[in-house]
Amino acid sequence: VLLVSTALVQNRQRKNLEALPENVS
């Protein structure tokens, strides 16, 4: 939980998951 929480905080770009297929590359 500690490391997953850290990964979530450090990678805030994942907030828009619905836009990821267009911008994955």
PDB file of all heavy atoms in Angstrom:
ATOM      1  N   VAL A   1       0.839  -1.210   0.000  1.00  0.00           N
ATOM      2  CA  VAL A   1       0.000   0.000   0.000  1.00  0.00           C
ATOM      3  C   VAL A   1       0.869   1.253   0.000  1.00  0.00           C
ATOM      4  O   VAL A   1       0.575   2.231  -0.708  1.00  0.00           O
ATOM      5  CB  VAL A   1      -0.957  -0.014   1.211  1.00  0.00           C
ATOM      6  CG1 VAL A   1      -1.631   1.346   1.383  1.00  0.00           C
ATOM      7  CG2 VAL A   1      -2.009  -1.091   1.038  1.00  0.00           C
ATOM      8  N   LEU A   2       1.954   1.237   0.768  1.00  0.00           N
ATOM      9  CA  LEU A   2       2.846   2.394   0.809  1.00  0.00           C
ATOM     10  C   LEU A   2       3.419   2.704  -0.579  1.00  0.00           C
ATOM     11  O   LEU A   2       3.392   3.857  -1.038  1.00  0.00           O
ATOM     12  CB  LEU A   2       3.990   2.146   1.791  1.00  0.00           C
ATOM     13  CG  LEU A   2       3.733   2.404   3.274  1.00  0.00           C
ATOM     14  CD1 LEU A   2       5.002   2.118   4.069  1.00  0.00           C
ATOM     15  CD2 LEU A   2       3.284   3.835   3.506  1.00  0.00           C
ATOM     16  N   LEU A   3       3.924   1.681  -1.246  1.00  0.00           N
ATOM     17  CA  LEU A   3       4.566   1.921  -2.537  1.00  0.00           C
ATOM     18  C   LEU A   3       3.549   2.204  -3.645  1.00  0.00           C
ATOM     19  O   LEU A   3       3.820   3.002  -4.538  1.00  0.00           O
ATOM     20  CB  LEU A   3       5.438   0.718  -2.920  1.00  0.00           C
ATOM     21  CG  LEU A   3       6.696   0.544  -2.065  1.00  0.00           C
ATOM     22  CD1 LEU A   3       7.529  -0.617  -2.574  1.00  0.00           C
ATOM     23  CD2 LEU A   3       7.534   1.807  -2.042  1.00  0.00           C
ATOM     24  N   VAL A   4       2.398   1.565  -3.591  1.00  0.00           N
ATOM     25  CA  VAL A   4       1.362   1.860  -4.583  1.00  0.00           C
ATOM     26  C   VAL A   4       0.877   3.295  -4.418  1.00  0.00           C
ATOM     27  O   VAL A   4       0.691   4.029  -5.400  1.00  0.00           O
ATOM     28  CB  VAL A   4       0.194   0.867  -4.458  1.00  0.00           C
ATOM     29  CG1 VAL A   4      -1.008   1.348  -5.268  1.00  0.00           C
ATOM     30  CG2 VAL A   4       0.617  -0.514  -4.937  1.00  0.00           C
ATOM     31  N   SER A   5       0.684   3.725  -3.166  1.00  0.00           N
ATOM     32  CA  SER A   5       0.269   5.108  -2.922  1.00  0.00           C
ATOM     33  C   SER A   5       1.315   6.089  -3.439  1.00  0.00           C
ATOM     34  O   SER A   5       0.982   7.116  -4.043  1.00  0.00           O
ATOM     35  CB  SER A   5       0.037   5.324  -1.428  1.00  0.00           C
ATOM     36  OG  SER A   5      -0.929   4.433  -0.924  1.00  0.00           O
ATOM     37  N   THR A   6       2.573   5.753  -3.227  1.00  0.00           N
ATOM     38  CA  THR A   6       3.647   6.606  -3.728  1.00  0.00           C
ATOM     39  C   THR A   6       3.637   6.674  -5.256  1.00  0.00           C
ATOM     40  O   THR A   6       3.809   7.742  -5.853  1.00  0.00           O
ATOM     41  CB  THR A   6       5.008   6.066  -3.263  1.00  0.00           C
ATOM     42  OG1 THR A   6       5.008   5.977  -1.841  1.00  0.00           O
ATOM     43  CG2 THR A   6       6.132   6.976  -3.705  1.00  0.00           C
ATOM     44  N   ALA A   7       3.423   5.514  -5.894  1.00  0.00           N
ATOM     45  CA  ALA A   7       3.368   5.489  -7.356  1.00  0.00           C
ATOM     46  C   ALA A   7       2.211   6.335  -7.876  1.00  0.00           C
ATOM     47  O   ALA A   7       2.347   7.040  -8.888  1.00  0.00           O
ATOM     48  CB  ALA A   7       3.225   4.048  -7.841  1.00  0.00           C
ATOM     49  N   LEU A   8       1.091   6.299  -7.183  1.00  0.00           N
ATOM     50  CA  LEU A   8      -0.060   7.104  -7.604  1.00  0.00           C
ATOM     51  C   LEU A   8       0.220   8.594  -7.466  1.00  0.00           C
ATOM     52  O   LEU A   8      -0.151   9.400  -8.326  1.00  0.00           O
ATOM     53  CB  LEU A   8      -1.292   6.716  -6.777  1.00  0.00           C
ATOM     54  CG  LEU A   8      -1.866   5.318  -7.044  1.00  0.00           C
ATOM     55  CD1 LEU A   8      -2.945   4.989  -6.021  1.00  0.00           C
ATOM     56  CD2 LEU A   8      -2.416   5.230  -8.455  1.00  0.00           C
ATOM     57  N   VAL A   9       0.882   8.958  -6.372  1.00  0.00           N
ATOM     58  CA  VAL A   9       1.193  10.373  -6.152  1.00  0.00           C
ATOM     59  C   VAL A   9       2.210  10.867  -7.170  1.00  0.00           C
ATOM     60  O   VAL A   9       2.100  11.980  -7.707  1.00  0.00           O
ATOM     61  CB  VAL A   9       1.717  10.584  -4.711  1.00  0.00           C
ATOM     62  CG1 VAL A   9       2.254  11.992  -4.529  1.00  0.00           C
ATOM     63  CG2 VAL A   9       0.604  10.313  -3.705  1.00  0.00           C
ATOM     64  N   GLN A  10       3.216  10.045  -7.464  1.00  0.00           N
ATOM     65  CA  GLN A  10       4.281  10.467  -8.361  1.00  0.00           C
ATOM     66  C   GLN A  10       3.866  10.453  -9.833  1.00  0.00           C
ATOM     67  O   GLN A  10       4.563  10.980 -10.670  1.00  0.00           O
ATOM     68  CB  GLN A  10       5.505   9.553  -8.162  1.00  0.00           C
ATOM     69  CG  GLN A  10       6.164   9.734  -6.812  1.00  0.00           C
ATOM     70  CD  GLN A  10       7.374   8.841  -6.641  1.00  0.00           C
ATOM     71  OE1 GLN A  10       7.629   7.968  -7.461  1.00  0.00           O
ATOM     72  NE2 GLN A  10       8.123   9.061  -5.576  1.00  0.00           N
ATOM     73  N   ASN A  11       2.754   9.839 -10.144  1.00  0.00           N
ATOM     74  CA  ASN A  11       2.314   9.728 -11.536  1.00  0.00           C
ATOM     75  C   ASN A  11       0.890  10.278 -11.687  1.00  0.00           C
ATOM     76  O   ASN A  11      -0.061   9.522 -11.904  1.00  0.00           O
ATOM     77  CB  ASN A  11       2.381   8.277 -12.007  1.00  0.00           C
ATOM     78  CG  ASN A  11       3.770   7.699 -11.922  1.00  0.00           C
ATOM     79  OD1 ASN A  11       4.656   8.111 -12.643  1.00  0.00           O
ATOM     80  ND2 ASN A  11       3.977   6.787 -11.012  1.00  0.00           N
ATOM     81  N   ARG A  12       0.760  11.552 -11.514  1.00  0.00           N
ATOM     82  CA  ARG A  12      -0.569  12.166 -11.580  1.00  0.00           C
ATOM     83  C   ARG A  12      -1.112  12.248 -12.997  1.00  0.00           C
ATOM     84  O   ARG A  12      -2.270  12.592 -13.200  1.00  0.00           O
ATOM     85  CB  ARG A  12      -0.496  13.570 -10.982  1.00  0.00           C
ATOM     86  CG  ARG A  12      -0.197  13.546  -9.492  1.00  0.00           C
ATOM     87  CD  ARG A  12      -0.210  14.924  -8.887  1.00  0.00           C
ATOM     88  NE  ARG A  12       0.069  14.860  -7.472  1.00  0.00           N
ATOM     89  CZ  ARG A  12       0.146  15.923  -6.672  1.00  0.00           C
ATOM     90  NH1 ARG A  12      -0.036  17.134  -7.174  1.00  0.00           N
ATOM     91  NH2 ARG A  12       0.399  15.761  -5.393  1.00  0.00           N
ATOM     92  N   GLN A  13      -0.296  11.936 -13.983  1.00  0.00           N
ATOM     93  CA  GLN A  13      -0.760  11.947 -15.362  1.00  0.00           C
ATOM     94  C   GLN A  13      -1.823  10.882 -15.615  1.00  0.00           C
ATOM     95  O   GLN A  13      -2.492  10.909 -16.652  1.00  0.00           O
ATOM     96  CB  GLN A  13       0.408  11.705 -16.333  1.00  0.00           C
ATOM     97  CG  GLN A  13       1.412  12.840 -16.355  1.00  0.00           C
ATOM     98  CD  GLN A  13       2.520  12.615 -15.345  1.00  0.00           C
ATOM     99  OE1 GLN A  13       2.313  11.957 -14.334  1.00  0.00           O
ATOM    100  NE2 GLN A  13       3.684  13.163 -15.629  1.00  0.00           N
ATOM    101  N   ARG A  14      -1.963   9.934 -14.691  1.00  0.00           N
ATOM    102  CA  ARG A  14      -2.929   8.863 -14.875  1.00  0.00           C
ATOM    103  C   ARG A  14      -4.346   9.281 -14.528  1.00  0.00           C
ATOM    104  O   ARG A  14      -5.253   8.458 -14.573  1.00  0.00           O
ATOM    105  CB  ARG A  14      -2.529   7.670 -14.011  1.00  0.00           C
ATOM    106  CG  ARG A  14      -1.270   6.995 -14.454  1.00  0.00           C
ATOM    107  CD  ARG A  14      -1.105   5.664 -13.771  1.00  0.00           C
ATOM    108  NE  ARG A  14      -1.093   5.808 -12.321  1.00  0.00           N
ATOM    109  CZ  ARG A  14       0.009   5.944 -11.604  1.00  0.00           C
ATOM    110  NH1 ARG A  14       1.171   5.975 -12.211  1.00  0.00           N
ATOM    111  NH2 ARG A  14      -0.047   6.047 -10.305  1.00  0.00           N
ATOM    112  N   LYS A  15      -4.567  10.557 -14.148  1.00  0.00           N
ATOM    113  CA  LYS A  15      -5.910  10.989 -13.754  1.00  0.00           C
ATOM    114  C   LYS A  15      -6.900  10.872 -14.898  1.00  0.00           C
ATOM    115  O   LYS A  15      -8.069  10.579 -14.708  1.00  0.00           O
ATOM    116  CB  LYS A  15      -5.852  12.435 -13.248  1.00  0.00           C
ATOM    117  CG  LYS A  15      -5.240  12.572 -11.869  1.00  0.00           C
ATOM    118  CD  LYS A  15      -5.283  14.010 -11.411  1.00  0.00           C
ATOM    119  CE  LYS A  15      -4.701  14.151 -10.008  1.00  0.00           C
ATOM    120  NZ  LYS A  15      -4.725  15.557  -9.546  1.00  0.00           N
ATOM    121  N   ASN A  16      -6.448  11.129 -16.131  1.00  0.00           N
ATOM    122  CA  ASN A  16      -7.325  11.101 -17.297  1.00  0.00           C
ATOM    123  C   ASN A  16      -7.193   9.752 -17.995  1.00  0.00           C
ATOM    124  O   ASN A  16      -6.647   9.679 -19.086  1.00  0.00           O
ATOM    125  CB  ASN A  16      -6.947  12.213 -18.279  1.00  0.00           C
ATOM    126  CG  ASN A  16      -7.930  13.342 -18.227  1.00  0.00           C
ATOM    127  OD1 ASN A  16      -9.052  13.156 -17.815  1.00  0.00           O
ATOM    128  ND2 ASN A  16      -7.492  14.500 -18.657  1.00  0.00           N
ATOM    129  N   LEU A  17      -7.665   8.685 -17.410  1.00  0.00           N
ATOM    130  CA  LEU A  17      -7.494   7.352 -17.990  1.00  0.00           C
ATOM    131  C   LEU A  17      -8.238   7.208 -19.315  1.00  0.00           C
ATOM    132  O   LEU A  17      -7.805   6.465 -20.191  1.00  0.00           O
ATOM    133  CB  LEU A  17      -8.009   6.292 -17.003  1.00  0.00           C
ATOM    134  CG  LEU A  17      -7.157   6.084 -15.744  1.00  0.00           C
ATOM    135  CD1 LEU A  17      -7.786   5.048 -14.860  1.00  0.00           C
ATOM    136  CD2 LEU A  17      -5.747   5.690 -16.111  1.00  0.00           C
ATOM    137  N   GLU A  18      -9.358   7.922 -19.467  1.00  0.00           N
ATOM    138  CA  GLU A  18     -10.111   7.784 -20.706  1.00  0.00           C
ATOM    139  C   GLU A  18      -9.377   8.374 -21.898  1.00  0.00           C
ATOM    140  O   GLU A  18      -9.643   8.019 -23.047  1.00  0.00           O
ATOM    141  CB  GLU A  18     -11.482   8.468 -20.584  1.00  0.00           C
ATOM    142  CG  GLU A  18     -11.425   9.987 -20.397  1.00  0.00           C
ATOM    143  CD  GLU A  18     -11.183  10.399 -18.954  1.00  0.00           C
ATOM    144  OE1 GLU A  18     -10.995   9.491 -18.121  1.00  0.00           O
ATOM    145  OE2 GLU A  18     -11.202  11.596 -18.679  1.00  0.00           O
ATOM    146  N   ALA A  19      -8.390   9.270 -21.661  1.00  0.00           N
ATOM    147  CA  ALA A  19      -7.644   9.875 -22.761  1.00  0.00           C
ATOM    148  C   ALA A  19      -6.372   9.123 -23.098  1.00  0.00           C
ATOM    149  O   ALA A  19      -5.697   9.454 -24.064  1.00  0.00           O
ATOM    150  CB  ALA A  19      -7.301  11.330 -22.431  1.00  0.00           C
ATOM    151  N   LEU A  20      -6.045   8.069 -22.311  1.00  0.00           N
ATOM    152  CA  LEU A  20      -4.764   7.383 -22.496  1.00  0.00           C
ATOM    153  C   LEU A  20      -4.616   6.672 -23.843  1.00  0.00           C
ATOM    154  O   LEU A  20      -3.543   6.724 -24.424  1.00  0.00           O
ATOM    155  CB  LEU A  20      -4.546   6.379 -21.364  1.00  0.00           C
ATOM    156  CG  LEU A  20      -4.205   7.019 -20.021  1.00  0.00           C
ATOM    157  CD1 LEU A  20      -4.084   5.940 -18.972  1.00  0.00           C
ATOM    158  CD2 LEU A  20      -2.930   7.820 -20.108  1.00  0.00           C
ATOM    159  N   PRO A  21      -5.659   6.005 -24.398  1.00  0.00           N
ATOM    160  CA  PRO A  21      -5.426   5.307 -25.671  1.00  0.00           C
ATOM    161  C   PRO A  21      -4.934   6.201 -26.792  1.00  0.00           C
ATOM    162  O   PRO A  21      -4.148   5.781 -27.623  1.00  0.00           O
ATOM    163  CB  PRO A  21      -6.808   4.733 -25.982  1.00  0.00           C
ATOM    164  CG  PRO A  21      -7.436   4.555 -24.643  1.00  0.00           C
ATOM    165  CD  PRO A  21      -6.947   5.703 -23.821  1.00  0.00           C
ATOM    166  N   GLU A  22      -5.357   7.490 -26.814  1.00  0.00           N
ATOM    167  CA  GLU A  22      -4.900   8.394 -27.857  1.00  0.00           C
ATOM    168  C   GLU A  22      -3.486   8.905 -27.607  1.00  0.00           C
ATOM    169  O   GLU A  22      -2.772   9.262 -28.526  1.00  0.00           O
ATOM    170  CB  GLU A  22      -5.842   9.591 -27.975  1.00  0.00           C
ATOM    171  CG  GLU A  22      -7.222   9.249 -28.548  1.00  0.00           C
ATOM    172  CD  GLU A  22      -8.113   8.604 -27.516  1.00  0.00           C
ATOM    173  OE1 GLU A  22      -7.758   8.661 -26.326  1.00  0.00           O
ATOM    174  OE2 GLU A  22      -9.152   8.023 -27.887  1.00  0.00           O
ATOM    175  N   ASN A  23      -3.079   8.961 -26.331  1.00  0.00           N
ATOM    176  CA  ASN A  23      -1.812   9.606 -25.997  1.00  0.00           C
ATOM    177  C   ASN A  23      -0.763   8.631 -25.473  1.00  0.00           C
ATOM    178  O   ASN A  23       0.246   9.044 -24.935  1.00  0.00           O
ATOM    179  CB  ASN A  23      -2.032  10.698 -24.938  1.00  0.00           C
ATOM    180  CG  ASN A  23      -2.994  11.767 -25.421  1.00  0.00           C
ATOM    181  OD1 ASN A  23      -2.993  12.112 -26.596  1.00  0.00           O
ATOM    182  ND2 ASN A  23      -3.829  12.258 -24.526  1.00  0.00           N
ATOM    183  N   VAL A  24      -1.044   7.326 -25.588  1.00  0.00           N
ATOM    184  CA  VAL A  24      -0.134   6.345 -25.006  1.00  0.00           C
ATOM    185  C   VAL A  24       1.281   6.476 -25.532  1.00  0.00           C
ATOM    186  O   VAL A  24       2.252   6.375 -24.801  1.00  0.00           O
ATOM    187  CB  VAL A  24      -0.690   4.920 -25.257  1.00  0.00           C
ATOM    188  CG1 VAL A  24       0.411   3.906 -25.380  1.00  0.00           C
ATOM    189  CG2 VAL A  24      -1.600   4.531 -24.129  1.00  0.00           C
ATOM    190  N   SER A  25       1.428   6.713 -26.831  1.00  0.00           N
ATOM    191  CA  SER A  25       2.758   6.742 -27.428  1.00  0.00           C
ATOM    192  C   SER A  25       3.574   7.940 -26.998  1.00  0.00           C
ATOM    193  O   SER A  25       4.791   7.936 -27.106  1.00  0.00           O
ATOM    194  CB  SER A  25       2.638   6.734 -28.952  1.00  0.00           C
ATOM    195  OG  SER A  25       1.912   7.881 -29.376  1.00  0.00           O
TER     196      SER A  25
END
